[in-house]
Amino acid sequence: METTNRNLEAVARCIREAQTIAVVSHVNPDGDTLGSATAMRMILEALGKDVTLFCDGKIPDQLSFLPGAELFRVPMGDEGPFDLMLAVDVSDEKRLGSAAGLKAKSRQTAQIDHHSTNPQYMNVNSVDGKAPANCILIRELMDILKVPVTTYIAICLYTGISTDTGNFAFGSTNAEAFRIMSDLMEHDLPLAKLNRILFRVKSREQIRLLGKALDSLRFCGEDDRIAVMTLTQKDFEACGALSEHADTIVNYAMDTQHTDMAMMARESHDGKIKFSLRAREPFRVDDIAGQFGGGGHPQASGITMDGTLEECLIKVLRVMEASIASGNQ
């Protein structure tokens, strides 16, 4: 069931009543959570607030162009106190990572999110599972707070909306996304430059890692409708690549003909196995991820598991195969 509780007026009240605000992105940050947070920093500072950005994890090099990206701090335990902790695009408390400790140091807690699986874990929750990107909710909040769009804010919002809609190609993309894009273009958004950074340019390490992943590609399940890729730590080391370089590789598997679901399973430096799952509508993978403690969106979800690569892969693949066979839609 989609969670639709676009309670942005309540979040706005929390913001108006606060002076010191911690804005938090999720672990393994992507364009939507970082675009949301960096936009929020400028919005809140325009209101005269004292803002600190937190993220438990490295900011991907590809997203380092975002205004204020260098200001993110990894929580160390000595922060605060804060009047308000505001999580953006964080689907559940586990995704806060070490930033979860900021809840106890904040007088009020709130969140803005667009994941339908969100359990509404803050005091004040604005969660709309039908919104194609969290930055769409941030744009609406700006109107409530009466903060105007600037070019820098437009850059952040475009980054979130474009990356979470697959460059406006996913089925979740709606008219609201395009209306906001039209507005952002009115504020000197450097579209061509940003599009190239986000969707075209690849580091040499990424290209080498893609080669390793493509070598591992195989097809499983009923009529070979599940595309599977794997990457080991040796693959990462051989390519001089980081975990962030694997983030979008699963899309190459999903783009193969006659594929309804795709999986990228990779060994992480911390010994865990991370999965990126994709599905072609009307199939979905969020319920599959949920069975293993993961989550996300119907057509794009993730899992982190303990065990060996092969053991974990077999477990997840069995569920995917059963889902395809049953016509999960």
C-alpha atoms as a PDB file:
ATOM      1  CA  MET A   1       0.000   0.000   0.000  1.00  0.00           C
ATOM      2  CA  GLU A   2       1.310   3.435  -0.917  1.00  0.00           C
ATOM      3  CA  THR A   3       1.911   5.751   2.020  1.00  0.00           C
ATOM      4  CA  THR A   4       0.486   9.154   1.105  1.00  0.00           C
ATOM      5  CA  ASN A   5       0.800  11.688   3.888  1.00  0.00           C
ATOM      6  CA  ARG A   6       2.186  14.845   2.317  1.00  0.00           C
ATOM      7  CA  ASN A   7       2.225  16.572   5.681  1.00  0.00           C
ATOM      8  CA  LEU A   8       4.548  19.381   4.632  1.00  0.00           C
ATOM      9  CA  GLU A   9       2.695  22.080   6.563  1.00  0.00           C
ATOM     10  CA  ALA A  10       3.587  20.268   9.799  1.00  0.00           C
ATOM     11  CA  VAL A  11       7.257  20.058   8.753  1.00  0.00           C
ATOM     12  CA  ALA A  12       7.180  23.764   7.931  1.00  0.00           C
ATOM     13  CA  ARG A  13       5.905  24.502  11.444  1.00  0.00           C
ATOM     14  CA  CYS A  14       8.795  22.506  12.922  1.00  0.00           C
ATOM     15  CA  ILE A  15      11.232  24.513  10.814  1.00  0.00           C
ATOM     16  CA  ARG A  16       9.751  27.857  11.824  1.00  0.00           C
ATOM     17  CA  GLU A  17      10.014  26.919  15.512  1.00  0.00           C
ATOM     18  CA  ALA A  18      13.646  25.742  15.269  1.00  0.00           C
ATOM     19  CA  GLN A  19      16.930  27.614  15.065  1.00  0.00           C
ATOM     20  CA  THR A  20      19.560  24.855  15.053  1.00  0.00           C
ATOM     21  CA  ILE A  21      18.712  22.158  12.499  1.00  0.00           C
ATOM     22  CA  ALA A  22      20.471  18.916  11.575  1.00  0.00           C
ATOM     23  CA  VAL A  23      19.635  17.798   8.022  1.00  0.00           C
ATOM     24  CA  VAL A  24      20.378  14.110   7.452  1.00  0.00           C
ATOM     25  CA  SER A  25      20.812  12.041   4.269  1.00  0.00           C
ATOM     26  CA  HIS A  26      20.771   8.259   4.062  1.00  0.00           C
ATOM     27  CA  VAL A  27      23.738   5.881   4.036  1.00  0.00           C
ATOM     28  CA  ASN A  28      25.214   5.089   0.609  1.00  0.00           C
ATOM     29  CA  PRO A  29      23.881   8.479  -0.549  1.00  0.00           C
ATOM     30  CA  ASP A  30      22.404   9.014  -4.001  1.00  0.00           C
ATOM     31  CA  GLY A  31      21.346  12.058  -5.998  1.00  0.00           C
ATOM     32  CA  ASP A  32      17.910  12.420  -4.444  1.00  0.00           C
ATOM     33  CA  THR A  33      18.962  12.350  -0.791  1.00  0.00           C
ATOM     34  CA  LEU A  34      21.955  14.636  -1.427  1.00  0.00           C
ATOM     35  CA  GLY A  35      19.977  16.945  -3.706  1.00  0.00           C
ATOM     36  CA  SER A  36      17.276  17.167  -1.028  1.00  0.00           C
ATOM     37  CA  ALA A  37      19.774  17.909   1.749  1.00  0.00           C
ATOM     38  CA  THR A  38      21.846  20.478  -0.132  1.00  0.00           C
ATOM     39  CA  ALA A  39      18.690  22.264  -1.296  1.00  0.00           C
ATOM     40  CA  MET A  40      17.350  22.220   2.282  1.00  0.00           C
ATOM     41  CA  ARG A  41      20.554  23.812   3.565  1.00  0.00           C
ATOM     42  CA  MET A  42      20.081  26.811   1.287  1.00  0.00           C
ATOM     43  CA  ILE A  43      16.347  26.996   1.995  1.00  0.00           C
ATOM     44  CA  LEU A  44      16.908  26.961   5.756  1.00  0.00           C
ATOM     45  CA  GLU A  45      19.776  29.432   5.625  1.00  0.00           C
ATOM     46  CA  ALA A  46      17.541  31.776   3.623  1.00  0.00           C
ATOM     47  CA  LEU A  47      15.244  31.664   6.665  1.00  0.00           C
ATOM     48  CA  GLY A  48      18.129  32.515   8.989  1.00  0.00           C
ATOM     49  CA  LYS A  49      18.546  29.017  10.442  1.00  0.00           C
ATOM     50  CA  ASP A  50      21.772  27.423  11.689  1.00  0.00           C
ATOM     51  CA  VAL A  51      22.138  24.267   9.562  1.00  0.00           C
ATOM     52  CA  THR A  52      24.454  21.244   9.776  1.00  0.00           C
ATOM     53  CA  LEU A  53      24.489  18.538   7.101  1.00  0.00           C
ATOM     54  CA  PHE A  54      25.070  14.903   8.107  1.00  0.00           C
ATOM     55  CA  CYS A  55      25.596  11.719   6.136  1.00  0.00           C
ATOM     56  CA  ASP A  56      27.013   8.430   7.370  1.00  0.00           C
ATOM     57  CA  GLY A  57      29.067   7.664   4.286  1.00  0.00           C
ATOM     58  CA  LYS A  58      31.254   9.095   1.553  1.00  0.00           C
ATOM     59  CA  ILE A  59      29.732  11.581  -0.867  1.00  0.00           C
ATOM     60  CA  PRO A  60      30.151  10.041  -4.357  1.00  0.00           C
ATOM     61  CA  ASP A  61      32.656  11.892  -6.516  1.00  0.00           C
ATOM     62  CA  GLN A  62      30.031  12.167  -9.266  1.00  0.00           C
ATOM     63  CA  LEU A  63      27.835  14.238  -6.927  1.00  0.00           C
ATOM     64  CA  SER A  64      30.570  16.414  -5.452  1.00  0.00           C
ATOM     65  CA  PHE A  65      29.481  19.293  -7.721  1.00  0.00           C
ATOM     66  CA  LEU A  66      26.358  19.863  -5.601  1.00  0.00           C
ATOM     67  CA  PRO A  67      26.485  23.229  -3.829  1.00  0.00           C
ATOM     68  CA  GLY A  68      27.531  22.551  -0.238  1.00  0.00           C
ATOM     69  CA  ALA A  69      28.489  18.904  -0.800  1.00  0.00           C
ATOM     70  CA  GLU A  70      31.759  19.552   1.006  1.00  0.00           C
ATOM     71  CA  LEU A  71      29.844  20.546   4.156  1.00  0.00           C
ATOM     72  CA  PHE A  72      28.516  17.065   4.984  1.00  0.00           C
ATOM     73  CA  ARG A  73      29.774  15.615   8.259  1.00  0.00           C
ATOM     74  CA  VAL A  74      29.893  11.990   9.361  1.00  0.00           C
ATOM     75  CA  PRO A  75      28.286  11.851  12.845  1.00  0.00           C
ATOM     76  CA  MET A  76      30.960  11.255  15.490  1.00  0.00           C
ATOM     77  CA  GLY A  77      28.788  11.303  18.615  1.00  0.00           C
ATOM     78  CA  ASP A  78      29.756  14.752  19.884  1.00  0.00           C
ATOM     79  CA  GLU A  79      27.225  16.767  17.851  1.00  0.00           C
ATOM     80  CA  GLY A  80      24.303  18.790  19.075  1.00  0.00           C
ATOM     81  CA  PRO A  81      22.054  19.470  20.699  1.00  0.00           C
ATOM     82  CA  PHE A  82      19.671  20.552  17.920  1.00  0.00           C
ATOM     83  CA  ASP A  83      16.237  22.086  17.921  1.00  0.00           C
ATOM     84  CA  LEU A  84      15.263  19.918  14.948  1.00  0.00           C
ATOM     85  CA  MET A  85      16.561  16.830  13.180  1.00  0.00           C
ATOM     86  CA  LEU A  86      15.229  16.632   9.620  1.00  0.00           C
ATOM     87  CA  ALA A  87      15.793  13.443   7.589  1.00  0.00           C
ATOM     88  CA  VAL A  88      15.364  13.702   3.814  1.00  0.00           C
ATOM     89  CA  ASP A  89      14.761  10.705   1.532  1.00  0.00           C
ATOM     90  CA  VAL A  90      15.545   8.247   4.354  1.00  0.00           C
ATOM     91  CA  SER A  91      13.146   5.305   4.050  1.00  0.00           C
ATOM     92  CA  ASP A  92      13.642   3.863   7.548  1.00  0.00           C
ATOM     93  CA  GLU A  93      15.687   4.442  10.687  1.00  0.00           C
ATOM     94  CA  LYS A  94      18.351   1.899   9.705  1.00  0.00           C
ATOM     95  CA  ARG A  95      19.168   4.048   6.679  1.00  0.00           C
ATOM     96  CA  LEU A  96      20.216   6.870   9.000  1.00  0.00           C
ATOM     97  CA  GLY A  97      23.295   4.855   9.975  1.00  0.00           C
ATOM     98  CA  SER A  98      25.266   6.518  12.756  1.00  0.00           C
ATOM     99  CA  ALA A  99      23.100   9.648  12.324  1.00  0.00           C
ATOM    100  CA  ALA A 100      20.325   7.803  14.182  1.00  0.00           C
ATOM    101  CA  GLY A 101      22.048   8.959  17.363  1.00  0.00           C
ATOM    102  CA  LEU A 102      21.064  12.538  16.524  1.00  0.00           C
ATOM    103  CA  LYS A 103      17.422  11.764  17.369  1.00  0.00           C
ATOM    104  CA  ALA A 104      18.167  11.697  21.092  1.00  0.00           C
ATOM    105  CA  LYS A 105      20.016  15.002  20.776  1.00  0.00           C
ATOM    106  CA  SER A 106      17.181  16.831  19.017  1.00  0.00           C
ATOM    107  CA  ARG A 107      14.220  18.519  20.665  1.00  0.00           C
ATOM    108  CA  GLN A 108      12.026  17.689  17.642  1.00  0.00           C
ATOM    109  CA  THR A 109      12.417  15.202  14.783  1.00  0.00           C
ATOM    110  CA  ALA A 110      10.838  15.244  11.339  1.00  0.00           C
ATOM    111  CA  GLN A 111      11.256  13.684   7.923  1.00  0.00           C
ATOM    112  CA  ILE A 112      10.388  14.246   4.275  1.00  0.00           C
ATOM    113  CA  ASP A 113      10.374  11.045   2.234  1.00  0.00           C
ATOM    114  CA  HIS A 114       8.785   9.350  -0.772  1.00  0.00           C
ATOM    115  CA  HIS A 115       9.238   5.628  -0.079  1.00  0.00           C
ATOM    116  CA  SER A 116       5.973   3.712   0.197  1.00  0.00           C
ATOM    117  CA  THR A 117       7.545   1.333   2.741  1.00  0.00           C
ATOM    118  CA  ASN A 118       8.446   4.141   5.171  1.00  0.00           C
ATOM    119  CA  PRO A 119       7.280   3.221   8.727  1.00  0.00           C
ATOM    120  CA  GLN A 120       7.009   6.923   9.741  1.00  0.00           C
ATOM    121  CA  TYR A 121       9.708   6.742  12.399  1.00  0.00           C
ATOM    122  CA  MET A 122       9.988  10.448  13.268  1.00  0.00           C
ATOM    123  CA  ASN A 123       7.763  12.639  15.456  1.00  0.00           C
ATOM    124  CA  VAL A 124       6.531  14.527  12.384  1.00  0.00           C
ATOM    125  CA  ASN A 125       6.322  12.610   9.105  1.00  0.00           C
ATOM    126  CA  SER A 126       5.699  13.844   5.580  1.00  0.00           C
ATOM    127  CA  VAL A 127       5.777  10.730   3.395  1.00  0.00           C
ATOM    128  CA  ASP A 128       4.286  10.503  -0.085  1.00  0.00           C
ATOM    129  CA  GLY A 129       4.929   7.121  -1.694  1.00  0.00           C
ATOM    130  CA  LYS A 130       3.520   8.335  -4.993  1.00  0.00           C
ATOM    131  CA  ALA A 131       6.035  11.145  -5.453  1.00  0.00           C
ATOM    132  CA  PRO A 132       8.647  10.077  -8.041  1.00  0.00           C
ATOM    133  CA  ALA A 133      11.449  11.892  -6.187  1.00  0.00           C
ATOM    134  CA  ASN A 134      11.947  13.393  -2.760  1.00  0.00           C
ATOM    135  CA  CYS A 135      13.103  16.670  -4.285  1.00  0.00           C
ATOM    136  CA  ILE A 136       9.569  17.167  -5.586  1.00  0.00           C
ATOM    137  CA  LEU A 137       8.409  17.392  -1.972  1.00  0.00           C
ATOM    138  CA  ILE A 138      11.244  19.793  -1.161  1.00  0.00           C
ATOM    139  CA  ARG A 139      10.070  22.064  -3.991  1.00  0.00           C
ATOM    140  CA  GLU A 140       6.534  22.143  -2.540  1.00  0.00           C
ATOM    141  CA  LEU A 141       7.922  22.901   0.919  1.00  0.00           C
ATOM    142  CA  MET A 142       9.694  25.925  -0.547  1.00  0.00           C
ATOM    143  CA  ASP A 143       6.358  27.435  -1.541  1.00  0.00           C
ATOM    144  CA  ILE A 144       4.956  26.864   1.947  1.00  0.00           C
ATOM    145  CA  LEU A 145       8.017  28.538   3.488  1.00  0.00           C
ATOM    146  CA  LYS A 146       7.951  31.274   0.823  1.00  0.00           C
ATOM    147  CA  VAL A 147      11.582  30.758  -0.167  1.00  0.00           C
ATOM    148  CA  PRO A 148      12.287  31.547  -3.847  1.00  0.00           C
ATOM    149  CA  VAL A 149      14.144  29.221  -6.211  1.00  0.00           C
ATOM    150  CA  THR A 150      17.724  30.184  -7.047  1.00  0.00           C
ATOM    151  CA  THR A 151      20.010  28.667  -9.669  1.00  0.00           C
ATOM    152  CA  TYR A 152      21.914  26.756  -6.980  1.00  0.00           C
ATOM    153  CA  ILE A 153      18.724  25.354  -5.465  1.00  0.00           C
ATOM    154  CA  ALA A 154      17.521  24.429  -8.971  1.00  0.00           C
ATOM    155  CA  ILE A 155      20.743  22.452  -9.501  1.00  0.00           C
ATOM    156  CA  CYS A 156      20.098  20.437  -6.330  1.00  0.00           C
ATOM    157  CA  LEU A 157      16.428  19.790  -7.107  1.00  0.00           C
ATOM    158  CA  TYR A 158      17.144  18.771 -10.700  1.00  0.00           C
ATOM    159  CA  THR A 159      19.802  16.327  -9.481  1.00  0.00           C
ATOM    160  CA  GLY A 160      17.338  14.596  -7.175  1.00  0.00           C
ATOM    161  CA  ILE A 161      14.428  14.513  -9.582  1.00  0.00           C
ATOM    162  CA  SER A 162      16.407  13.399 -12.620  1.00  0.00           C
ATOM    163  CA  THR A 163      18.358  10.640 -10.867  1.00  0.00           C
ATOM    164  CA  ASP A 164      15.356   9.138  -9.073  1.00  0.00           C
ATOM    165  CA  THR A 165      13.256   9.109 -12.246  1.00  0.00           C
ATOM    166  CA  GLY A 166      15.996   7.513 -14.355  1.00  0.00           C
ATOM    167  CA  ASN A 167      16.427  10.738 -16.294  1.00  0.00           C
ATOM    168  CA  PHE A 168      12.611  11.010 -16.572  1.00  0.00           C
ATOM    169  CA  ALA A 169      12.243   7.493 -17.962  1.00  0.00           C
ATOM    170  CA  PHE A 170      10.810   5.477 -15.036  1.00  0.00           C
ATOM    171  CA  GLY A 171       7.103   4.717 -14.859  1.00  0.00           C
ATOM    172  CA  SER A 172       6.847   6.785 -11.669  1.00  0.00           C
ATOM    173  CA  THR A 173       7.620   9.968 -13.611  1.00  0.00           C
ATOM    174  CA  ASN A 174       4.511  12.138 -13.584  1.00  0.00           C
ATOM    175  CA  ALA A 175       3.233  15.505 -14.765  1.00  0.00           C
ATOM    176  CA  GLU A 176       4.265  17.157 -11.496  1.00  0.00           C
ATOM    177  CA  ALA A 177       7.896  16.294 -12.197  1.00  0.00           C
ATOM    178  CA  PHE A 178       7.748  18.006 -15.572  1.00  0.00           C
ATOM    179  CA  ARG A 179       5.937  21.050 -14.170  1.00  0.00           C
ATOM    180  CA  ILE A 180       8.720  21.467 -11.621  1.00  0.00           C
ATOM    181  CA  MET A 181      11.346  20.988 -14.325  1.00  0.00           C
ATOM    182  CA  SER A 182       9.746  23.756 -16.360  1.00  0.00           C
ATOM    183  CA  ASP A 183      10.015  26.018 -13.318  1.00  0.00           C
ATOM    184  CA  LEU A 184      13.650  25.066 -12.698  1.00  0.00           C
ATOM    185  CA  MET A 185      14.532  25.890 -16.310  1.00  0.00           C
ATOM    186  CA  GLU A 186      13.243  29.427 -15.675  1.00  0.00           C
ATOM    187  CA  HIS A 187      16.055  29.834 -13.127  1.00  0.00           C
ATOM    188  CA  ASP A 188      19.048  29.348 -15.438  1.00  0.00           C
ATOM    189  CA  LEU A 189      19.445  25.622 -14.778  1.00  0.00           C
ATOM    190  CA  PRO A 190      22.572  24.442 -16.696  1.00  0.00           C
ATOM    191  CA  LEU A 191      20.741  21.372 -18.001  1.00  0.00           C
ATOM    192  CA  ALA A 192      23.192  20.105 -20.626  1.00  0.00           C
ATOM    193  CA  LYS A 193      26.184  20.381 -18.296  1.00  0.00           C
ATOM    194  CA  LEU A 194      24.442  18.596 -15.425  1.00  0.00           C
ATOM    195  CA  ASN A 195      22.960  15.909 -17.662  1.00  0.00           C
ATOM    196  CA  ARG A 196      26.412  15.025 -18.925  1.00  0.00           C
ATOM    197  CA  ILE A 197      27.851  14.850 -15.388  1.00  0.00           C
ATOM    198  CA  LEU A 198      25.002  12.706 -14.065  1.00  0.00           C
ATOM    199  CA  PHE A 199      24.244  10.402 -16.983  1.00  0.00           C
ATOM    200  CA  ARG A 200      27.055  10.410 -19.537  1.00  0.00           C
ATOM    201  CA  VAL A 201      30.509  10.825 -18.007  1.00  0.00           C
ATOM    202  CA  LYS A 202      32.011   7.682 -16.434  1.00  0.00           C
ATOM    203  CA  SER A 203      35.333   7.347 -14.678  1.00  0.00           C
ATOM    204  CA  ARG A 204      37.850   4.877 -16.052  1.00  0.00           C
ATOM    205  CA  GLU A 205      37.412   2.804 -12.890  1.00  0.00           C
ATOM    206  CA  GLN A 206      33.669   2.612 -13.555  1.00  0.00           C
ATOM    207  CA  ILE A 207      34.200   1.455 -17.133  1.00  0.00           C
ATOM    208  CA  ARG A 208      36.657  -1.240 -16.022  1.00  0.00           C
ATOM    209  CA  LEU A 209      34.245  -2.407 -13.344  1.00  0.00           C
ATOM    210  CA  LEU A 210      31.399  -2.471 -15.873  1.00  0.00           C
ATOM    211  CA  GLY A 211      33.501  -4.833 -17.980  1.00  0.00           C
ATOM    212  CA  LYS A 212      33.872  -7.203 -15.025  1.00  0.00           C
ATOM    213  CA  ALA A 213      30.131  -7.069 -14.347  1.00  0.00           C
ATOM    214  CA  LEU A 214      29.223  -7.716 -17.974  1.00  0.00           C
ATOM    215  CA  ASP A 215      31.545 -10.727 -17.996  1.00  0.00           C
ATOM    216  CA  SER A 216      29.529 -12.145 -15.087  1.00  0.00           C
ATOM    217  CA  LEU A 217      26.114 -11.553 -16.701  1.00  0.00           C
ATOM    218  CA  ARG A 218      23.827 -14.569 -16.860  1.00  0.00           C
ATOM    219  CA  PHE A 219      20.104 -15.170 -17.190  1.00  0.00           C
ATOM    220  CA  CYS A 220      17.999 -17.218 -14.794  1.00  0.00           C
ATOM    221  CA  GLY A 221      14.445 -18.147 -13.897  1.00  0.00           C
ATOM    222  CA  GLU A 222      11.435 -18.858 -16.057  1.00  0.00           C
ATOM    223  CA  ASP A 223      12.327 -18.181 -19.720  1.00  0.00           C
ATOM    224  CA  ASP A 224      15.589 -16.569 -18.533  1.00  0.00           C
ATOM    225  CA  ARG A 225      13.729 -13.400 -17.571  1.00  0.00           C
ATOM    226  CA  ILE A 226      16.027 -12.516 -14.639  1.00  0.00           C
ATOM    227  CA  ALA A 227      19.404 -10.935 -15.454  1.00  0.00           C
ATOM    228  CA  VAL A 228      22.097 -11.481 -12.814  1.00  0.00           C
ATOM    229  CA  MET A 229      25.464  -9.766 -12.363  1.00  0.00           C
ATOM    230  CA  THR A 230      28.076 -10.227  -9.627  1.00  0.00           C
ATOM    231  CA  LEU A 231      31.182  -8.360  -8.487  1.00  0.00           C
ATOM    232  CA  THR A 232      33.754  -9.591  -5.962  1.00  0.00           C
ATOM    233  CA  GLN A 233      36.159  -7.544  -3.880  1.00  0.00           C
ATOM    234  CA  LYS A 234      38.912  -8.816  -6.190  1.00  0.00           C
ATOM    235  CA  ASP A 235      37.042  -7.234  -9.096  1.00  0.00           C
ATOM    236  CA  PHE A 236      36.955  -3.889  -7.302  1.00  0.00           C
ATOM    237  CA  GLU A 237      40.646  -4.118  -6.428  1.00  0.00           C
ATOM    238  CA  ALA A 238      41.632  -5.080  -9.979  1.00  0.00           C
ATOM    239  CA  CYS A 239      39.794  -2.035 -11.343  1.00  0.00           C
ATOM    240  CA  GLY A 240      40.858   0.371  -8.616  1.00  0.00           C
ATOM    241  CA  ALA A 241      37.150   0.989  -8.121  1.00  0.00           C
ATOM    242  CA  LEU A 242      35.040   2.042  -5.159  1.00  0.00           C
ATOM    243  CA  SER A 243      31.612   0.806  -4.097  1.00  0.00           C
ATOM    244  CA  GLU A 244      29.986   3.926  -5.564  1.00  0.00           C
ATOM    245  CA  HIS A 245      31.266   2.962  -9.014  1.00  0.00           C
ATOM    246  CA  ALA A 246      28.888  -0.021  -9.035  1.00  0.00           C
ATOM    247  CA  ASP A 247      25.743   1.917  -8.160  1.00  0.00           C
ATOM    248  CA  THR A 248      24.167   2.069 -11.634  1.00  0.00           C
ATOM    249  CA  ILE A 249      25.670  -1.011 -13.276  1.00  0.00           C
ATOM    250  CA  VAL A 250      22.537  -3.069 -12.587  1.00  0.00           C
ATOM    251  CA  ASN A 251      20.727  -0.913 -15.162  1.00  0.00           C
ATOM    252  CA  TYR A 252      22.774  -2.508 -17.934  1.00  0.00           C
ATOM    253  CA  ALA A 253      21.385  -5.906 -16.921  1.00  0.00           C
ATOM    254  CA  MET A 254      17.861  -4.479 -16.755  1.00  0.00           C
ATOM    255  CA  ASP A 255      18.206  -3.105 -20.273  1.00  0.00           C
ATOM    256  CA  THR A 256      18.731  -6.514 -21.846  1.00  0.00           C
ATOM    257  CA  GLN A 257      15.949  -7.759 -24.096  1.00  0.00           C
ATOM    258  CA  HIS A 258      13.230 -10.008 -22.584  1.00  0.00           C
ATOM    259  CA  THR A 259      14.343  -9.170 -19.010  1.00  0.00           C
ATOM    260  CA  ASP A 260      11.671  -8.529 -16.370  1.00  0.00           C
ATOM    261  CA  MET A 261      13.932  -8.392 -13.292  1.00  0.00           C
ATOM    262  CA  ALA A 262      17.630  -7.745 -12.741  1.00  0.00           C
ATOM    263  CA  MET A 263      20.034  -8.164  -9.867  1.00  0.00           C
ATOM    264  CA  MET A 264      23.524  -6.907  -9.110  1.00  0.00           C
ATOM    265  CA  ALA A 265      25.130  -8.737  -6.155  1.00  0.00           C
ATOM    266  CA  ARG A 266      28.464  -7.462  -4.919  1.00  0.00           C
ATOM    267  CA  GLU A 267      30.881  -8.043  -2.092  1.00  0.00           C
ATOM    268  CA  SER A 268      31.341  -5.020   0.122  1.00  0.00           C
ATOM    269  CA  HIS A 269      34.540  -3.987   1.866  1.00  0.00           C
ATOM    270  CA  ASP A 270      32.833  -4.605   5.232  1.00  0.00           C
ATOM    271  CA  GLY A 271      32.218  -8.268   4.401  1.00  0.00           C
ATOM    272  CA  LYS A 272      28.521  -7.874   3.653  1.00  0.00           C
ATOM    273  CA  ILE A 273      26.763  -8.624   0.377  1.00  0.00           C
ATOM    274  CA  LYS A 274      24.879  -5.771  -1.250  1.00  0.00           C
ATOM    275  CA  PHE A 275      22.130  -6.212  -3.812  1.00  0.00           C
ATOM    276  CA  SER A 276      20.670  -3.759  -6.287  1.00  0.00           C
ATOM    277  CA  LEU A 277      17.351  -5.023  -7.636  1.00  0.00           C
ATOM    278  CA  ARG A 278      15.396  -3.728 -10.624  1.00  0.00           C
ATOM    279  CA  ALA A 279      12.082  -4.664 -12.235  1.00  0.00           C
ATOM    280  CA  ARG A 280      10.153  -3.770 -15.351  1.00  0.00           C
ATOM    281  CA  GLU A 281       6.603  -2.646 -14.718  1.00  0.00           C
ATOM    282  CA  PRO A 282       4.232  -4.128 -13.795  1.00  0.00           C
ATOM    283  CA  PHE A 283       6.669  -6.387 -11.867  1.00  0.00           C
ATOM    284  CA  ARG A 284       8.135  -5.088  -8.602  1.00  0.00           C
ATOM    285  CA  VAL A 285      11.062  -5.824  -6.297  1.00  0.00           C
ATOM    286  CA  ASP A 286      10.365  -3.781  -3.159  1.00  0.00           C
ATOM    287  CA  ASP A 287       8.424  -6.675  -1.617  1.00  0.00           C
ATOM    288  CA  ILE A 288      11.301  -9.033  -2.470  1.00  0.00           C
ATOM    289  CA  ALA A 289      13.821  -6.710  -0.815  1.00  0.00           C
ATOM    290  CA  GLY A 290      11.542  -6.443   2.208  1.00  0.00           C
ATOM    291  CA  GLN A 291      11.784 -10.186   2.812  1.00  0.00           C
ATOM    292  CA  PHE A 292      15.526  -9.743   3.447  1.00  0.00           C
ATOM    293  CA  GLY A 293      15.349  -6.566   5.507  1.00  0.00           C
ATOM    294  CA  GLY A 294      15.850  -4.261   2.536  1.00  0.00           C
ATOM    295  CA  GLY A 295      13.541  -1.885   0.787  1.00  0.00           C
ATOM    296  CA  GLY A 296      13.123   0.881  -1.713  1.00  0.00           C
ATOM    297  CA  HIS A 297      10.788   1.487  -4.617  1.00  0.00           C
ATOM    298  CA  PRO A 298       8.629  -0.983  -6.572  1.00  0.00           C
ATOM    299  CA  GLN A 299      11.013  -1.017  -9.535  1.00  0.00           C
ATOM    300  CA  ALA A 300      14.295  -0.224  -7.745  1.00  0.00           C
ATOM    301  CA  SER A 301      15.266  -1.615  -4.338  1.00  0.00           C
ATOM    302  CA  GLY A 302      18.284  -2.732  -2.350  1.00  0.00           C
ATOM    303  CA  ILE A 303      19.358  -5.325   0.223  1.00  0.00           C
ATOM    304  CA  THR A 304      22.369  -5.761   2.509  1.00  0.00           C
ATOM    305  CA  MET A 305      22.994  -9.286   3.807  1.00  0.00           C
ATOM    306  CA  ASP A 306      25.494 -11.323   5.815  1.00  0.00           C
ATOM    307  CA  GLY A 307      27.009 -14.434   4.245  1.00  0.00           C
ATOM    308  CA  THR A 308      29.009 -15.411   1.198  1.00  0.00           C
ATOM    309  CA  LEU A 309      28.242 -13.968  -2.215  1.00  0.00           C
ATOM    310  CA  GLU A 310      27.000 -17.286  -3.593  1.00  0.00           C
ATOM    311  CA  GLU A 311      24.891 -18.152  -0.533  1.00  0.00           C
ATOM    312  CA  CYS A 312      23.147 -14.782  -0.507  1.00  0.00           C
ATOM    313  CA  LEU A 313      22.694 -14.735  -4.263  1.00  0.00           C
ATOM    314  CA  ILE A 314      20.939 -18.117  -4.231  1.00  0.00           C
ATOM    315  CA  LYS A 315      18.538 -16.980  -1.495  1.00  0.00           C
ATOM    316  CA  VAL A 316      17.513 -13.795  -3.267  1.00  0.00           C
ATOM    317  CA  LEU A 317      17.398 -15.413  -6.700  1.00  0.00           C
ATOM    318  CA  ARG A 318      15.011 -18.121  -5.469  1.00  0.00           C
ATOM    319  CA  VAL A 319      12.563 -15.462  -4.310  1.00  0.00           C
ATOM    320  CA  MET A 320      12.893 -13.539  -7.565  1.00  0.00           C
ATOM    321  CA  GLU A 321      12.314 -16.709  -9.557  1.00  0.00           C
ATOM    322  CA  ALA A 322       9.202 -17.534  -7.520  1.00  0.00           C
ATOM    323  CA  SER A 323       7.967 -13.984  -8.007  1.00  0.00           C
ATOM    324  CA  ILE A 324       8.360 -14.177 -11.784  1.00  0.00           C
ATOM    325  CA  ALA A 325       6.732 -17.614 -11.915  1.00  0.00           C
ATOM    326  CA  SER A 326       3.738 -16.378  -9.917  1.00  0.00           C
ATOM    327  CA  GLY A 327       3.299 -13.337 -12.119  1.00  0.00           C
ATOM    328  CA  ASN A 328       4.062 -10.892  -9.291  1.00  0.00           C
ATOM    329  CA  GLN A 329       2.600  -7.581 -10.430  1.00  0.00           C
END
